[in-house]
Amino acid sequence: MSEEVQQLVVRLARENPRWGYQRIHGELLRRGGRVSASSIRRILRAHGLDPAPRRGAANWRSFLPQQAAGIVACDFFTVDTVFLRRVWVLFFIEFGSRRVHLAGVTDHPTGLWVAQQARNLGTVLGDQAAAFRFLIRDRDAKFTRAFDDVWRSAGAEVIRTPVRAPNANAVAERWVGTVRRECLDQLLIVGCQQLVRVLRRYVQHYNQRRPQRSWAHATPVPSDRAEARNAPNLGPATSPRRPRWTDPRVRVRSMTSRLLAPPRGRTTAREYQRLAPRYLAEARAVRLISGGSG
């Protein structure tokens, strides 16, 4: 059997994990290939692939990276003010770019308020909202049917996480920990207005300035600095850097303390008498070079 046919069989098996050797055999017959099913099974085993279908069953961890560009998640977190009032914060985060959208802050969250924040976000995103295929949320009662209908009208499918399974919405949960450690735990929040200003400033910093390790230290929203750094180098725009030492007198002055320093360790009087002429000669040379009188 030719090497090209073997590579085709292995490629079909790896790109279509739900296909068994019988399905691959049928696909090759449709394309005019004359390969027996037993030969395909032998090729798959030689390359470490299971001839049976559903090799490497899809799970939640493998599903998210494959669909990251079309997934957006939302969640709530609470902030307690200095007056012992609890404030609720609703946010959305894109899986593909890790961009965060601050939806709203309130001390009385209701289903109607949450649905209205979803409509406001859809208006801000515009055509970009149609690119999201999935919305991940938990089973909080504040996410009502009206909230789900807003996203279904945009073409997104709403996925509810299992009960008491925060890892199913790990990206949103991780951002909550980030905003608490880097921002909210360092401040005293007085009320909703101050919290809105603080979070807007931090979200702007997070989206435009904070590098993401999982994305090769890139920012969710490309900034002008990043574009300038990634631009091709067309040569130096300024004159080359001058050497560090341009005046010999500057260099001599910087070396004076080292030249006149006594030797390390214990030094006897006889050794000082022996080394004194050398110290005097070096000091005289330093003064002459630096422009002083001898």
C-alpha atoms as a PDB file:
ATOM      1  CA  MET A   1       0.000   0.000   0.000  1.00  0.00           C
ATOM      2  CA  SER A   2       1.318   3.416  -0.933  1.00  0.00           C
ATOM      3  CA  GLU A   3       2.486   5.909   1.660  1.00  0.00           C
ATOM      4  CA  GLU A   4      -0.050   8.506   0.486  1.00  0.00           C
ATOM      5  CA  VAL A   5      -2.979   6.178   1.169  1.00  0.00           C
ATOM      6  CA  GLN A   6      -1.684   5.380   4.645  1.00  0.00           C
ATOM      7  CA  GLN A   7      -1.297   9.073   5.449  1.00  0.00           C
ATOM      8  CA  LEU A   8      -4.845   9.703   4.202  1.00  0.00           C
ATOM      9  CA  VAL A   9      -6.230   6.947   6.428  1.00  0.00           C
ATOM     10  CA  VAL A  10      -4.411   8.287   9.501  1.00  0.00           C
ATOM     11  CA  ARG A  11      -5.530  11.844   8.736  1.00  0.00           C
ATOM     12  CA  LEU A  12      -9.178  10.840   8.420  1.00  0.00           C
ATOM     13  CA  ALA A  13      -8.999   8.945  11.706  1.00  0.00           C
ATOM     14  CA  ARG A  14      -7.390  11.821  13.633  1.00  0.00           C
ATOM     15  CA  GLU A  15      -9.614  14.570  12.235  1.00  0.00           C
ATOM     16  CA  ASN A  16     -12.777  12.504  12.724  1.00  0.00           C
ATOM     17  CA  PRO A  17     -12.502  10.689  16.055  1.00  0.00           C
ATOM     18  CA  ARG A  18     -16.068   9.364  15.762  1.00  0.00           C
ATOM     19  CA  TRP A  19     -15.231   7.402  12.614  1.00  0.00           C
ATOM     20  CA  GLY A  20     -14.299   3.753  12.862  1.00  0.00           C
ATOM     21  CA  TYR A  21     -12.349   1.788  10.277  1.00  0.00           C
ATOM     22  CA  GLN A  22     -15.573   0.763   8.546  1.00  0.00           C
ATOM     23  CA  ARG A  23     -16.627   4.405   8.070  1.00  0.00           C
ATOM     24  CA  ILE A  24     -13.172   5.301   6.771  1.00  0.00           C
ATOM     25  CA  HIS A  25     -13.386   2.357   4.379  1.00  0.00           C
ATOM     26  CA  GLY A  26     -16.689   3.657   3.050  1.00  0.00           C
ATOM     27  CA  GLU A  27     -15.306   7.185   2.583  1.00  0.00           C
ATOM     28  CA  LEU A  28     -12.344   5.840   0.614  1.00  0.00           C
ATOM     29  CA  LEU A  29     -14.648   3.789  -1.612  1.00  0.00           C
ATOM     30  CA  ARG A  30     -16.646   6.926  -2.422  1.00  0.00           C
ATOM     31  CA  ARG A  31     -13.428   8.598  -3.576  1.00  0.00           C
ATOM     32  CA  GLY A  32     -12.364   5.650  -5.714  1.00  0.00           C
ATOM     33  CA  GLY A  33      -9.929   4.120  -3.234  1.00  0.00           C
ATOM     34  CA  ARG A  34      -9.503   0.341  -3.307  1.00  0.00           C
ATOM     35  CA  VAL A  35      -8.461  -0.463   0.264  1.00  0.00           C
ATOM     36  CA  SER A  36      -9.945  -3.264   2.325  1.00  0.00           C
ATOM     37  CA  ALA A  37     -11.375  -2.671   5.769  1.00  0.00           C
ATOM     38  CA  SER A  38      -8.863  -5.053   7.353  1.00  0.00           C
ATOM     39  CA  SER A  39      -5.983  -3.075   5.828  1.00  0.00           C
ATOM     40  CA  ILE A  40      -7.378   0.162   7.270  1.00  0.00           C
ATOM     41  CA  ARG A  41      -7.682  -1.454  10.691  1.00  0.00           C
ATOM     42  CA  ARG A  42      -4.084  -2.655  10.472  1.00  0.00           C
ATOM     43  CA  ILE A  43      -2.863   0.836   9.489  1.00  0.00           C
ATOM     44  CA  LEU A  44      -4.664   2.454  12.422  1.00  0.00           C
ATOM     45  CA  ARG A  45      -3.194   0.001  14.901  1.00  0.00           C
ATOM     46  CA  ALA A  46       0.293   0.529  13.460  1.00  0.00           C
ATOM     47  CA  HIS A  47      -0.036   4.258  14.152  1.00  0.00           C
ATOM     48  CA  GLY A  48      -1.377   3.789  17.690  1.00  0.00           C
ATOM     49  CA  LEU A  49      -5.022   4.566  16.853  1.00  0.00           C
ATOM     50  CA  ASP A  50      -7.996   2.553  17.975  1.00  0.00           C
ATOM     51  CA  PRO A  51      -9.933   1.153  14.988  1.00  0.00           C
ATOM     52  CA  ALA A  52     -13.188   1.512  16.937  1.00  0.00           C
ATOM     53  CA  PRO A  53     -15.069   4.842  16.731  1.00  0.00           C
ATOM     54  CA  ARG A  54     -15.292   7.519  19.444  1.00  0.00           C
ATOM     55  CA  ARG A  55     -11.584   7.432  20.225  1.00  0.00           C
ATOM     56  CA  GLY A  56     -10.783  10.183  22.691  1.00  0.00           C
ATOM     57  CA  ALA A  57     -14.337  10.989  23.783  1.00  0.00           C
ATOM     58  CA  ALA A  58     -15.033  14.695  23.972  1.00  0.00           C
ATOM     59  CA  ASN A  59     -15.182  16.202  27.457  1.00  0.00           C
ATOM     60  CA  TRP A  60     -15.717  19.665  28.889  1.00  0.00           C
ATOM     61  CA  ARG A  61     -11.998  20.482  28.997  1.00  0.00           C
ATOM     62  CA  SER A  62     -11.433  19.624  25.326  1.00  0.00           C
ATOM     63  CA  PHE A  63     -14.684  21.249  24.221  1.00  0.00           C
ATOM     64  CA  LEU A  64     -13.898  24.734  25.569  1.00  0.00           C
ATOM     65  CA  PRO A  65     -10.627  25.400  23.677  1.00  0.00           C
ATOM     66  CA  GLN A  66     -12.160  24.233  20.405  1.00  0.00           C
ATOM     67  CA  GLN A  67     -15.135  26.583  20.714  1.00  0.00           C
ATOM     68  CA  ALA A  68     -13.434  29.417  22.645  1.00  0.00           C
ATOM     69  CA  ALA A  69     -13.946  32.077  19.979  1.00  0.00           C
ATOM     70  CA  GLY A  70     -17.730  31.658  20.122  1.00  0.00           C
ATOM     71  CA  ILE A  71     -18.225  31.347  23.898  1.00  0.00           C
ATOM     72  CA  VAL A  72     -19.101  34.076  26.380  1.00  0.00           C
ATOM     73  CA  ALA A  73     -19.664  33.504  30.097  1.00  0.00           C
ATOM     74  CA  CYS A  74     -21.428  35.589  32.726  1.00  0.00           C
ATOM     75  CA  ASP A  75     -21.553  35.545  36.485  1.00  0.00           C
ATOM     76  CA  PHE A  76     -22.232  37.598  39.616  1.00  0.00           C
ATOM     77  CA  PHE A  77     -19.953  38.489  42.496  1.00  0.00           C
ATOM     78  CA  THR A  78     -20.647  40.553  45.573  1.00  0.00           C
ATOM     79  CA  VAL A  79     -18.813  43.440  47.241  1.00  0.00           C
ATOM     80  CA  ASP A  80     -19.454  44.565  50.828  1.00  0.00           C
ATOM     81  CA  THR A  81     -19.169  48.284  51.504  1.00  0.00           C
ATOM     82  CA  VAL A  82     -17.862  49.939  54.651  1.00  0.00           C
ATOM     83  CA  PHE A  83     -21.479  50.526  55.710  1.00  0.00           C
ATOM     84  CA  LEU A  84     -22.140  46.752  55.611  1.00  0.00           C
ATOM     85  CA  ARG A  85     -24.226  46.936  52.447  1.00  0.00           C
ATOM     86  CA  ARG A  86     -23.855  44.188  49.864  1.00  0.00           C
ATOM     87  CA  VAL A  87     -23.569  45.199  46.206  1.00  0.00           C
ATOM     88  CA  TRP A  88     -23.932  42.821  43.247  1.00  0.00           C
ATOM     89  CA  VAL A  89     -21.789  43.046  40.126  1.00  0.00           C
ATOM     90  CA  LEU A  90     -22.760  41.421  36.810  1.00  0.00           C
ATOM     91  CA  PHE A  91     -20.053  40.883  34.192  1.00  0.00           C
ATOM     92  CA  PHE A  92     -19.451  38.999  30.952  1.00  0.00           C
ATOM     93  CA  ILE A  93     -16.138  37.583  29.756  1.00  0.00           C
ATOM     94  CA  GLU A  94     -15.211  36.304  26.294  1.00  0.00           C
ATOM     95  CA  PHE A  95     -13.432  32.973  26.214  1.00  0.00           C
ATOM     96  CA  GLY A  96     -11.551  33.633  22.998  1.00  0.00           C
ATOM     97  CA  SER A  97      -9.869  36.904  23.995  1.00  0.00           C
ATOM     98  CA  ARG A  98     -10.505  37.073  27.793  1.00  0.00           C
ATOM     99  CA  ARG A  99     -12.095  40.479  27.255  1.00  0.00           C
ATOM    100  CA  VAL A 100     -14.300  41.552  30.160  1.00  0.00           C
ATOM    101  CA  HIS A 101     -17.543  43.528  29.861  1.00  0.00           C
ATOM    102  CA  LEU A 102     -18.886  45.190  32.993  1.00  0.00           C
ATOM    103  CA  ALA A 103     -22.668  44.879  32.666  1.00  0.00           C
ATOM    104  CA  GLY A 104     -23.936  46.605  35.800  1.00  0.00           C
ATOM    105  CA  VAL A 105     -23.740  47.191  39.545  1.00  0.00           C
ATOM    106  CA  THR A 106     -26.763  47.212  41.833  1.00  0.00           C
ATOM    107  CA  ASP A 107     -27.780  46.498  45.398  1.00  0.00           C
ATOM    108  CA  HIS A 108     -31.162  45.025  44.372  1.00  0.00           C
ATOM    109  CA  PRO A 109     -30.649  42.562  41.492  1.00  0.00           C
ATOM    110  CA  THR A 110     -33.834  41.272  39.883  1.00  0.00           C
ATOM    111  CA  GLY A 111     -34.629  39.214  36.827  1.00  0.00           C
ATOM    112  CA  LEU A 112     -35.846  42.236  34.889  1.00  0.00           C
ATOM    113  CA  TRP A 113     -32.674  44.167  35.705  1.00  0.00           C
ATOM    114  CA  VAL A 114     -30.450  41.288  34.579  1.00  0.00           C
ATOM    115  CA  ALA A 115     -32.365  40.909  31.297  1.00  0.00           C
ATOM    116  CA  GLN A 116     -32.060  44.648  30.631  1.00  0.00           C
ATOM    117  CA  GLN A 117     -28.286  44.510  31.177  1.00  0.00           C
ATOM    118  CA  ALA A 118     -28.105  41.720  28.590  1.00  0.00           C
ATOM    119  CA  ARG A 119     -29.989  43.902  26.096  1.00  0.00           C
ATOM    120  CA  ASN A 120     -27.653  46.819  26.803  1.00  0.00           C
ATOM    121  CA  LEU A 121     -24.617  44.633  26.194  1.00  0.00           C
ATOM    122  CA  GLY A 122     -26.077  43.375  22.919  1.00  0.00           C
ATOM    123  CA  THR A 123     -26.561  46.972  21.798  1.00  0.00           C
ATOM    124  CA  VAL A 124     -22.963  47.839  22.664  1.00  0.00           C
ATOM    125  CA  LEU A 125     -21.522  44.784  20.918  1.00  0.00           C
ATOM    126  CA  GLY A 126     -23.645  45.187  17.799  1.00  0.00           C
ATOM    127  CA  ASP A 127     -22.770  42.660  15.104  1.00  0.00           C
ATOM    128  CA  GLN A 128     -20.154  41.084  17.350  1.00  0.00           C
ATOM    129  CA  ALA A 129     -22.919  39.581  19.508  1.00  0.00           C
ATOM    130  CA  ALA A 130     -23.962  37.373  16.591  1.00  0.00           C
ATOM    131  CA  ALA A 131     -20.510  35.720  16.636  1.00  0.00           C
ATOM    132  CA  PHE A 132     -21.167  34.113  20.035  1.00  0.00           C
ATOM    133  CA  ARG A 133     -22.611  30.632  19.728  1.00  0.00           C
ATOM    134  CA  PHE A 134     -22.740  29.677  23.407  1.00  0.00           C
ATOM    135  CA  LEU A 135     -23.439  31.488  26.671  1.00  0.00           C
ATOM    136  CA  ILE A 136     -22.332  29.794  29.879  1.00  0.00           C
ATOM    137  CA  ARG A 137     -24.114  30.713  33.095  1.00  0.00           C
ATOM    138  CA  ASP A 138     -24.947  29.111  36.409  1.00  0.00           C
ATOM    139  CA  ARG A 139     -28.384  28.237  37.742  1.00  0.00           C
ATOM    140  CA  ASP A 140     -28.936  31.471  39.659  1.00  0.00           C
ATOM    141  CA  ALA A 141     -32.621  32.410  39.855  1.00  0.00           C
ATOM    142  CA  LYS A 142     -31.781  35.932  38.672  1.00  0.00           C
ATOM    143  CA  PHE A 143     -31.070  34.514  35.195  1.00  0.00           C
ATOM    144  CA  THR A 144     -34.667  34.281  34.049  1.00  0.00           C
ATOM    145  CA  ARG A 145     -36.227  33.153  30.778  1.00  0.00           C
ATOM    146  CA  ALA A 146     -36.209  36.744  29.520  1.00  0.00           C
ATOM    147  CA  PHE A 147     -32.437  36.809  29.957  1.00  0.00           C
ATOM    148  CA  ASP A 148     -32.064  33.576  27.977  1.00  0.00           C
ATOM    149  CA  ASP A 149     -34.385  34.847  25.234  1.00  0.00           C
ATOM    150  CA  VAL A 150     -32.141  37.865  24.688  1.00  0.00           C
ATOM    151  CA  TRP A 151     -29.212  35.607  23.842  1.00  0.00           C
ATOM    152  CA  ARG A 152     -31.275  33.102  21.888  1.00  0.00           C
ATOM    153  CA  SER A 153     -32.530  35.928  19.689  1.00  0.00           C
ATOM    154  CA  ALA A 154     -28.877  36.687  18.866  1.00  0.00           C
ATOM    155  CA  GLY A 155     -28.300  33.064  17.821  1.00  0.00           C
ATOM    156  CA  ALA A 156     -26.517  31.857  20.965  1.00  0.00           C
ATOM    157  CA  GLU A 157     -27.288  28.680  22.861  1.00  0.00           C
ATOM    158  CA  VAL A 158     -27.539  29.010  26.640  1.00  0.00           C
ATOM    159  CA  ILE A 159     -25.590  26.382  28.594  1.00  0.00           C
ATOM    160  CA  ARG A 160     -26.318  26.042  32.282  1.00  0.00           C
ATOM    161  CA  THR A 161     -23.549  24.669  34.461  1.00  0.00           C
ATOM    162  CA  PRO A 162     -24.237  21.736  36.803  1.00  0.00           C
ATOM    163  CA  VAL A 163     -25.251  22.375  40.380  1.00  0.00           C
ATOM    164  CA  ARG A 164     -22.350  23.345  42.657  1.00  0.00           C
ATOM    165  CA  ALA A 165     -19.786  22.966  39.867  1.00  0.00           C
ATOM    166  CA  PRO A 166     -17.764  26.212  39.687  1.00  0.00           C
ATOM    167  CA  ASN A 167     -15.121  24.539  37.516  1.00  0.00           C
ATOM    168  CA  ALA A 168     -17.671  24.413  34.701  1.00  0.00           C
ATOM    169  CA  ASN A 169     -17.424  28.219  34.564  1.00  0.00           C
ATOM    170  CA  ALA A 170     -13.766  28.403  35.526  1.00  0.00           C
ATOM    171  CA  VAL A 171     -12.838  31.388  33.336  1.00  0.00           C
ATOM    172  CA  ALA A 172     -15.405  33.644  34.991  1.00  0.00           C
ATOM    173  CA  GLU A 173     -14.574  32.350  38.473  1.00  0.00           C
ATOM    174  CA  ARG A 174     -10.885  32.982  37.902  1.00  0.00           C
ATOM    175  CA  TRP A 175     -11.528  36.569  36.857  1.00  0.00           C
ATOM    176  CA  VAL A 176     -13.502  37.138  40.056  1.00  0.00           C
ATOM    177  CA  GLY A 177     -10.462  36.057  42.037  1.00  0.00           C
ATOM    178  CA  THR A 178      -8.234  38.314  39.927  1.00  0.00           C
ATOM    179  CA  VAL A 179     -10.305  41.457  40.413  1.00  0.00           C
ATOM    180  CA  ARG A 180     -10.526  40.793  44.142  1.00  0.00           C
ATOM    181  CA  ARG A 181      -6.790  40.258  44.644  1.00  0.00           C
ATOM    182  CA  GLU A 182      -5.561  43.054  42.404  1.00  0.00           C
ATOM    183  CA  CYS A 183      -8.186  45.712  43.051  1.00  0.00           C
ATOM    184  CA  LEU A 184     -11.055  45.295  45.488  1.00  0.00           C
ATOM    185  CA  ASP A 185      -9.086  43.834  48.394  1.00  0.00           C
ATOM    186  CA  GLN A 186      -6.861  46.925  48.362  1.00  0.00           C
ATOM    187  CA  LEU A 187      -9.683  49.481  48.681  1.00  0.00           C
ATOM    188  CA  LEU A 188     -12.519  50.505  50.964  1.00  0.00           C
ATOM    189  CA  ILE A 189     -15.753  50.738  48.980  1.00  0.00           C
ATOM    190  CA  VAL A 190     -18.282  53.301  50.185  1.00  0.00           C
ATOM    191  CA  GLY A 191     -21.136  52.859  47.707  1.00  0.00           C
ATOM    192  CA  CYS A 192     -22.278  51.856  44.239  1.00  0.00           C
ATOM    193  CA  GLN A 193     -21.018  54.956  42.466  1.00  0.00           C
ATOM    194  CA  GLN A 194     -17.487  54.545  43.745  1.00  0.00           C
ATOM    195  CA  LEU A 195     -17.553  50.836  42.921  1.00  0.00           C
ATOM    196  CA  VAL A 196     -18.666  51.558  39.351  1.00  0.00           C
ATOM    197  CA  ARG A 197     -15.791  54.023  38.845  1.00  0.00           C
ATOM    198  CA  VAL A 198     -13.252  51.617  40.323  1.00  0.00           C
ATOM    199  CA  LEU A 199     -14.425  48.636  38.285  1.00  0.00           C
ATOM    200  CA  ARG A 200     -14.601  50.590  35.037  1.00  0.00           C
ATOM    201  CA  ARG A 201     -11.025  51.756  35.544  1.00  0.00           C
ATOM    202  CA  TYR A 202      -9.826  48.254  36.378  1.00  0.00           C
ATOM    203  CA  VAL A 203     -11.691  46.640  33.472  1.00  0.00           C
ATOM    204  CA  GLN A 204     -10.078  49.153  31.125  1.00  0.00           C
ATOM    205  CA  HIS A 205      -6.671  48.289  32.566  1.00  0.00           C
ATOM    206  CA  TYR A 206      -7.400  44.553  32.358  1.00  0.00           C
ATOM    207  CA  ASN A 207      -8.515  44.695  28.729  1.00  0.00           C
ATOM    208  CA  GLN A 208      -5.834  47.037  27.378  1.00  0.00           C
ATOM    209  CA  ARG A 209      -2.781  46.785  29.654  1.00  0.00           C
ATOM    210  CA  ARG A 210      -2.702  43.559  31.620  1.00  0.00           C
ATOM    211  CA  PRO A 211      -0.898  40.707  29.798  1.00  0.00           C
ATOM    212  CA  GLN A 212      -2.413  37.234  29.781  1.00  0.00           C
ATOM    213  CA  ARG A 213      -0.046  34.330  30.358  1.00  0.00           C
ATOM    214  CA  SER A 214      -2.384  31.872  28.643  1.00  0.00           C
ATOM    215  CA  TRP A 215      -2.291  34.045  25.481  1.00  0.00           C
ATOM    216  CA  ALA A 216       1.491  34.550  25.201  1.00  0.00           C
ATOM    217  CA  HIS A 217       1.374  37.722  27.347  1.00  0.00           C
ATOM    218  CA  ALA A 218      -0.992  39.474  24.953  1.00  0.00           C
ATOM    219  CA  THR A 219      -3.772  41.799  26.071  1.00  0.00           C
ATOM    220  CA  PRO A 220      -7.464  41.081  25.400  1.00  0.00           C
ATOM    221  CA  VAL A 221      -7.753  44.317  23.411  1.00  0.00           C
ATOM    222  CA  PRO A 222      -4.661  45.092  21.274  1.00  0.00           C
ATOM    223  CA  SER A 223      -3.218  48.457  22.280  1.00  0.00           C
ATOM    224  CA  ASP A 224      -1.116  50.937  20.322  1.00  0.00           C
ATOM    225  CA  ARG A 225       2.000  49.839  22.203  1.00  0.00           C
ATOM    226  CA  ALA A 226       1.468  46.212  21.272  1.00  0.00           C
ATOM    227  CA  GLU A 227       0.938  47.099  17.608  1.00  0.00           C
ATOM    228  CA  ALA A 228       4.086  49.222  17.596  1.00  0.00           C
ATOM    229  CA  ARG A 229       6.034  46.414  19.254  1.00  0.00           C
ATOM    230  CA  ASN A 230       4.837  43.837  16.709  1.00  0.00           C
ATOM    231  CA  ALA A 231       5.446  46.142  13.723  1.00  0.00           C
ATOM    232  CA  PRO A 232       8.424  45.330  11.465  1.00  0.00           C
ATOM    233  CA  ASN A 233      11.679  47.026  12.352  1.00  0.00           C
ATOM    234  CA  LEU A 234      12.574  49.437   9.551  1.00  0.00           C
ATOM    235  CA  GLY A 235      15.794  50.692  11.107  1.00  0.00           C
ATOM    236  CA  PRO A 236      16.705  53.006  13.955  1.00  0.00           C
ATOM    237  CA  ALA A 237      14.666  56.175  14.084  1.00  0.00           C
ATOM    238  CA  THR A 238      17.251  57.985  16.199  1.00  0.00           C
ATOM    239  CA  SER A 239      20.990  58.334  16.181  1.00  0.00           C
ATOM    240  CA  PRO A 240      22.996  55.434  17.618  1.00  0.00           C
ATOM    241  CA  ARG A 241      23.663  55.494  21.316  1.00  0.00           C
ATOM    242  CA  ARG A 242      26.839  57.232  22.391  1.00  0.00           C
ATOM    243  CA  PRO A 243      29.394  55.192  24.302  1.00  0.00           C
ATOM    244  CA  ARG A 244      29.118  55.269  28.049  1.00  0.00           C
ATOM    245  CA  TRP A 245      32.587  56.775  28.650  1.00  0.00           C
ATOM    246  CA  THR A 246      33.322  59.780  26.460  1.00  0.00           C
ATOM    247  CA  ASP A 247      35.589  61.861  28.723  1.00  0.00           C
ATOM    248  CA  PRO A 248      38.697  60.106  30.118  1.00  0.00           C
ATOM    249  CA  ARG A 249      38.557  62.265  33.228  1.00  0.00           C
ATOM    250  CA  VAL A 250      35.106  60.853  34.107  1.00  0.00           C
ATOM    251  CA  ARG A 251      36.461  57.349  33.863  1.00  0.00           C
ATOM    252  CA  VAL A 252      39.489  58.189  35.980  1.00  0.00           C
ATOM    253  CA  ARG A 253      37.357  59.727  38.717  1.00  0.00           C
ATOM    254  CA  SER A 254      35.172  56.659  38.866  1.00  0.00           C
ATOM    255  CA  MET A 255      38.260  54.480  39.247  1.00  0.00           C
ATOM    256  CA  THR A 256      39.902  56.643  41.914  1.00  0.00           C
ATOM    257  CA  SER A 257      38.229  54.964  44.874  1.00  0.00           C
ATOM    258  CA  ARG A 258      39.209  51.549  43.563  1.00  0.00           C
ATOM    259  CA  LEU A 259      42.822  52.527  42.906  1.00  0.00           C
ATOM    260  CA  LEU A 260      43.320  54.138  46.296  1.00  0.00           C
ATOM    261  CA  ALA A 261      41.514  51.409  48.241  1.00  0.00           C
ATOM    262  CA  PRO A 262      43.783  49.528  50.660  1.00  0.00           C
ATOM    263  CA  PRO A 263      44.314  45.813  50.152  1.00  0.00           C
ATOM    264  CA  ARG A 264      41.751  43.486  51.696  1.00  0.00           C
ATOM    265  CA  GLY A 265      42.522  41.451  54.775  1.00  0.00           C
ATOM    266  CA  ARG A 266      44.880  42.217  57.642  1.00  0.00           C
ATOM    267  CA  THR A 267      47.712  44.570  56.636  1.00  0.00           C
ATOM    268  CA  THR A 268      50.755  45.144  58.806  1.00  0.00           C
ATOM    269  CA  ALA A 269      52.669  48.402  59.167  1.00  0.00           C
ATOM    270  CA  ARG A 270      55.544  47.014  57.124  1.00  0.00           C
ATOM    271  CA  GLU A 271      53.208  46.208  54.217  1.00  0.00           C
ATOM    272  CA  TYR A 272      51.771  49.755  54.336  1.00  0.00           C
ATOM    273  CA  GLN A 273      55.290  51.158  54.134  1.00  0.00           C
ATOM    274  CA  ARG A 274      56.010  48.936  51.145  1.00  0.00           C
ATOM    275  CA  LEU A 275      52.784  49.871  49.310  1.00  0.00           C
ATOM    276  CA  ALA A 276      52.781  53.603  50.167  1.00  0.00           C
ATOM    277  CA  PRO A 277      54.949  54.690  47.162  1.00  0.00           C
ATOM    278  CA  ARG A 278      52.573  52.937  44.736  1.00  0.00           C
ATOM    279  CA  TYR A 279      49.503  54.618  46.264  1.00  0.00           C
ATOM    280  CA  LEU A 280      51.183  58.038  46.073  1.00  0.00           C
ATOM    281  CA  ALA A 281      52.177  57.499  42.436  1.00  0.00           C
ATOM    282  CA  GLU A 282      48.646  56.417  41.479  1.00  0.00           C
ATOM    283  CA  ALA A 283      47.092  59.397  43.268  1.00  0.00           C
ATOM    284  CA  ARG A 284      49.511  61.783  41.530  1.00  0.00           C
ATOM    285  CA  ALA A 285      48.658  60.257  38.141  1.00  0.00           C
ATOM    286  CA  VAL A 286      44.932  60.622  38.828  1.00  0.00           C
ATOM    287  CA  ARG A 287      45.289  64.307  39.681  1.00  0.00           C
ATOM    288  CA  LEU A 288      47.377  64.969  36.572  1.00  0.00           C
ATOM    289  CA  ILE A 289      44.927  63.270  34.207  1.00  0.00           C
ATOM    290  CA  SER A 290      41.877  64.912  35.784  1.00  0.00           C
ATOM    291  CA  GLY A 291      43.397  68.362  35.352  1.00  0.00           C
ATOM    292  CA  GLY A 292      44.586  69.002  38.898  1.00  0.00           C
ATOM    293  CA  SER A 293      48.003  70.247  40.023  1.00  0.00           C
ATOM    294  CA  GLY A 294      50.702  67.805  40.987  1.00  0.00           C
END
